[in-house]
N, C-alpha and C. Protein backbone atom coordinates (compact mmCIF):
# COMPACT_ATOMS: atom_id res chain seq x y z
N MET A 1 -1.41 213.27 202.69
CA MET A 1 -2.49 212.76 203.49
C MET A 1 -3.42 213.91 203.80
N ARG A 2 -4.56 213.88 203.25
CA ARG A 2 -5.52 214.96 203.42
C ARG A 2 -6.52 214.59 204.51
N LYS A 3 -6.76 215.52 205.41
CA LYS A 3 -7.71 215.28 206.49
C LYS A 3 -8.91 216.19 206.31
N LYS A 4 -9.94 215.93 207.11
CA LYS A 4 -11.11 216.79 207.02
C LYS A 4 -10.74 218.23 207.37
N LYS A 5 -11.49 219.15 206.85
CA LYS A 5 -11.20 220.57 207.02
C LYS A 5 -11.49 221.01 208.45
N ASP A 6 -10.47 221.03 209.25
CA ASP A 6 -10.55 221.54 210.60
C ASP A 6 -9.21 222.18 210.92
N ASP A 7 -8.73 222.03 212.12
CA ASP A 7 -7.49 222.69 212.51
C ASP A 7 -6.29 221.76 212.40
N THR A 8 -6.39 220.68 211.63
CA THR A 8 -5.27 219.76 211.47
C THR A 8 -4.49 220.10 210.21
N ALA A 9 -3.21 219.81 210.25
CA ALA A 9 -2.35 220.11 209.12
C ALA A 9 -2.60 219.15 207.97
N LEU A 10 -2.29 219.58 206.74
CA LEU A 10 -2.40 218.72 205.58
C LEU A 10 -1.36 217.62 205.61
N LEU A 11 -0.21 217.90 206.16
CA LEU A 11 0.83 216.91 206.24
C LEU A 11 1.61 217.09 207.53
N LYS A 12 2.35 216.08 207.88
CA LYS A 12 3.12 216.10 209.12
C LYS A 12 4.58 215.90 208.76
N LEU A 13 5.45 216.73 209.31
CA LEU A 13 6.87 216.59 209.07
C LEU A 13 7.42 215.43 209.89
N ALA A 14 8.44 214.79 209.37
CA ALA A 14 9.15 213.76 210.12
C ALA A 14 9.82 214.41 211.32
N LYS A 15 10.14 213.60 212.31
CA LYS A 15 10.73 214.10 213.56
C LYS A 15 12.01 214.92 213.30
N GLU A 16 12.88 214.42 212.45
CA GLU A 16 14.13 215.14 212.16
C GLU A 16 13.87 216.43 211.37
N GLU A 17 12.88 216.39 210.48
CA GLU A 17 12.53 217.60 209.72
C GLU A 17 11.97 218.66 210.66
N THR A 18 11.13 218.23 211.59
CA THR A 18 10.58 219.17 212.58
C THR A 18 11.69 219.78 213.42
N LYS A 19 12.60 218.95 213.87
CA LYS A 19 13.72 219.43 214.69
C LYS A 19 14.53 220.47 213.93
N LYS A 20 14.84 220.19 212.67
CA LYS A 20 15.62 221.12 211.84
C LYS A 20 14.84 222.41 211.60
N ALA A 21 13.55 222.30 211.32
CA ALA A 21 12.73 223.48 211.09
C ALA A 21 12.65 224.34 212.34
N VAL A 22 12.52 223.71 213.50
CA VAL A 22 12.49 224.44 214.78
C VAL A 22 13.80 225.17 214.98
N GLU A 23 14.92 224.50 214.75
CA GLU A 23 16.23 225.14 214.89
C GLU A 23 16.38 226.31 213.93
N ASP A 24 15.97 226.12 212.69
CA ASP A 24 16.05 227.20 211.70
C ASP A 24 15.19 228.39 212.11
N LEU A 25 13.99 228.12 212.59
CA LEU A 25 13.09 229.19 213.02
C LEU A 25 13.64 229.92 214.24
N GLN A 26 14.19 229.17 215.19
CA GLN A 26 14.80 229.80 216.36
C GLN A 26 15.95 230.70 215.94
N GLU A 27 16.79 230.22 215.03
CA GLU A 27 17.92 231.01 214.55
C GLU A 27 17.44 232.28 213.85
N TYR A 28 16.42 232.15 213.02
CA TYR A 28 15.87 233.30 212.30
C TYR A 28 15.31 234.35 213.27
N LEU A 29 14.54 233.89 214.24
CA LEU A 29 13.94 234.82 215.21
C LEU A 29 15.01 235.50 216.05
N ALA A 30 16.04 234.78 216.43
CA ALA A 30 17.12 235.36 217.22
C ALA A 30 17.90 236.40 216.41
N LYS A 31 18.19 236.05 215.16
CA LYS A 31 18.99 236.93 214.31
C LYS A 31 18.23 238.18 213.88
N ASN A 32 16.97 238.01 213.49
CA ASN A 32 16.23 239.12 212.89
C ASN A 32 15.36 239.90 213.86
N PHE A 33 14.99 239.30 214.99
CA PHE A 33 14.09 239.96 215.92
C PHE A 33 14.62 239.99 217.35
N ASP A 34 15.84 239.49 217.53
CA ASP A 34 16.45 239.44 218.85
C ASP A 34 15.54 238.71 219.85
N LEU A 35 14.90 237.63 219.39
CA LEU A 35 14.01 236.81 220.22
C LEU A 35 14.62 235.44 220.42
N GLU A 36 14.72 235.04 221.66
CA GLU A 36 15.16 233.68 221.96
C GLU A 36 13.98 232.93 222.55
N ILE A 37 13.53 231.93 221.82
CA ILE A 37 12.35 231.17 222.20
C ILE A 37 12.73 229.70 222.33
N GLY A 38 12.20 229.05 223.34
CA GLY A 38 12.49 227.64 223.57
C GLY A 38 11.96 226.75 222.46
N SER A 39 12.40 225.50 222.47
CA SER A 39 12.04 224.54 221.42
C SER A 39 10.54 224.26 221.38
N LEU A 40 9.93 224.05 222.54
CA LEU A 40 8.50 223.71 222.55
C LEU A 40 7.63 224.86 222.02
N PRO A 41 7.80 226.10 222.51
CA PRO A 41 7.00 227.19 221.93
C PRO A 41 7.27 227.39 220.43
N THR A 42 8.52 227.19 220.02
CA THR A 42 8.85 227.34 218.61
C THR A 42 8.16 226.25 217.78
N GLU A 43 8.13 225.02 218.30
CA GLU A 43 7.47 223.93 217.59
C GLU A 43 5.97 224.17 217.50
N ILE A 44 5.38 224.69 218.56
CA ILE A 44 3.95 225.01 218.55
C ILE A 44 3.66 226.11 217.52
N PHE A 45 4.53 227.12 217.48
CA PHE A 45 4.39 228.20 216.50
C PHE A 45 4.54 227.67 215.07
N LEU A 46 5.53 226.80 214.87
CA LEU A 46 5.75 226.20 213.56
C LEU A 46 4.52 225.41 213.11
N GLU A 47 3.94 224.65 214.02
CA GLU A 47 2.74 223.87 213.70
C GLU A 47 1.58 224.80 213.35
N TYR A 48 1.44 225.90 214.08
CA TYR A 48 0.39 226.87 213.80
C TYR A 48 0.56 227.46 212.40
N ILE A 49 1.79 227.87 212.09
CA ILE A 49 2.08 228.44 210.77
C ILE A 49 1.77 227.41 209.68
N GLY A 50 2.17 226.16 209.92
CA GLY A 50 1.90 225.11 208.95
C GLY A 50 0.42 224.93 208.70
N LYS A 51 -0.37 225.00 209.76
CA LYS A 51 -1.83 224.82 209.63
C LYS A 51 -2.48 226.00 208.92
N LYS A 52 -2.03 227.19 209.23
CA LYS A 52 -2.69 228.38 208.69
C LYS A 52 -2.17 228.81 207.33
N ILE A 53 -0.87 228.65 207.08
CA ILE A 53 -0.28 229.15 205.84
C ILE A 53 0.13 228.01 204.90
N GLY A 54 0.44 226.85 205.46
CA GLY A 54 0.86 225.71 204.66
C GLY A 54 -0.06 225.38 203.50
N PRO A 55 -1.39 225.39 203.71
CA PRO A 55 -2.30 225.07 202.59
C PRO A 55 -2.14 225.98 201.38
N TYR A 56 -1.78 227.24 201.60
CA TYR A 56 -1.57 228.15 200.47
C TYR A 56 -0.38 227.69 199.63
N TYR A 57 0.72 227.31 200.29
CA TYR A 57 1.90 226.82 199.58
C TYR A 57 1.61 225.47 198.92
N TYR A 58 0.89 224.61 199.61
CA TYR A 58 0.51 223.30 199.07
C TYR A 58 -0.31 223.49 197.80
N ASN A 59 -1.33 224.31 197.87
CA ASN A 59 -2.19 224.54 196.71
C ASN A 59 -1.43 225.18 195.56
N GLN A 60 -0.49 226.08 195.86
CA GLN A 60 0.31 226.70 194.80
C GLN A 60 1.20 225.65 194.14
N GLY A 61 1.74 224.74 194.93
CA GLY A 61 2.55 223.66 194.37
C GLY A 61 1.74 222.78 193.43
N ILE A 62 0.51 222.47 193.83
CA ILE A 62 -0.37 221.67 192.97
C ILE A 62 -0.70 222.43 191.69
N THR A 63 -1.00 223.71 191.81
CA THR A 63 -1.30 224.54 190.64
C THR A 63 -0.11 224.60 189.69
N ASP A 64 1.09 224.79 190.23
CA ASP A 64 2.29 224.84 189.40
C ASP A 64 2.51 223.51 188.69
N ALA A 65 2.32 222.39 189.40
CA ALA A 65 2.50 221.07 188.79
C ALA A 65 1.48 220.84 187.68
N MET A 66 0.23 221.26 187.91
CA MET A 66 -0.81 221.10 186.89
C MET A 66 -0.47 221.92 185.64
N GLN A 67 0.02 223.14 185.85
CA GLN A 67 0.37 223.99 184.71
C GLN A 67 1.51 223.37 183.91
N MET A 68 2.53 222.86 184.61
CA MET A 68 3.66 222.23 183.92
C MET A 68 3.20 221.00 183.16
N MET A 69 2.33 220.19 183.76
CA MET A 69 1.82 218.99 183.09
C MET A 69 1.00 219.36 181.86
N THR A 70 0.20 220.41 181.95
CA THR A 70 -0.59 220.88 180.82
C THR A 70 0.31 221.32 179.68
N GLU A 71 1.36 222.08 180.01
CA GLU A 71 2.29 222.54 178.98
C GLU A 71 2.98 221.36 178.30
N LYS A 72 3.41 220.38 179.08
CA LYS A 72 4.09 219.21 178.50
C LYS A 72 3.13 218.38 177.67
N THR A 73 1.89 218.25 178.11
CA THR A 73 0.88 217.51 177.34
C THR A 73 0.62 218.20 176.01
N GLU A 74 0.54 219.53 176.02
CA GLU A 74 0.33 220.29 174.78
C GLU A 74 1.51 220.10 173.83
N GLU A 75 2.74 220.07 174.38
CA GLU A 75 3.93 219.84 173.55
C GLU A 75 3.86 218.46 172.90
N LEU A 76 3.45 217.45 173.67
CA LEU A 76 3.33 216.10 173.12
C LEU A 76 2.25 216.04 172.04
N TYR A 77 1.16 216.75 172.27
CA TYR A 77 0.08 216.78 171.28
C TYR A 77 0.56 217.41 169.98
N LEU A 78 1.34 218.49 170.07
CA LEU A 78 1.88 219.13 168.87
C LEU A 78 2.83 218.20 168.14
N LEU A 79 3.63 217.44 168.87
CA LEU A 79 4.53 216.49 168.23
C LEU A 79 3.74 215.41 167.49
N MET A 80 2.65 214.98 168.09
CA MET A 80 1.82 213.97 167.47
C MET A 80 1.21 214.52 166.19
N LYS A 81 0.73 215.76 166.19
CA LYS A 81 0.14 216.38 165.01
C LYS A 81 1.15 216.49 163.88
N LEU A 82 2.39 216.83 164.22
CA LEU A 82 3.42 216.98 163.20
C LEU A 82 3.75 215.67 162.51
N ALA A 83 3.52 214.55 163.19
CA ALA A 83 3.83 213.24 162.61
C ALA A 83 2.76 212.81 161.60
N ASP A 84 1.60 213.43 161.62
CA ASP A 84 0.51 213.03 160.69
C ASP A 84 0.79 213.45 159.28
C-alpha cells in the first residue's frame, strides 16, 4: 500500500509483527548497548526507522525481483530460440 510521499510508512506491520519486532529491538538494545527502553518508546523508534530506512530496503527488494524476472525471461527467450 503506497501512500503519498510524506512522513507515513510504505507499509504497516500487523499487531503481532510489531510486538515481536519491538521485543527483538528491545533485546538487541539491551544486549549490545546496555539500554533498557520501554515498549512505547521502542515502538515509536521502530516506526521512525521504518519510515526513514524502510523505503531503501523496499526499493532494493523490488530491484532484486525485477533483476530475477529479467534473467528468467531471458532464459525463456533463449529456450524459445533454440526450438526454432
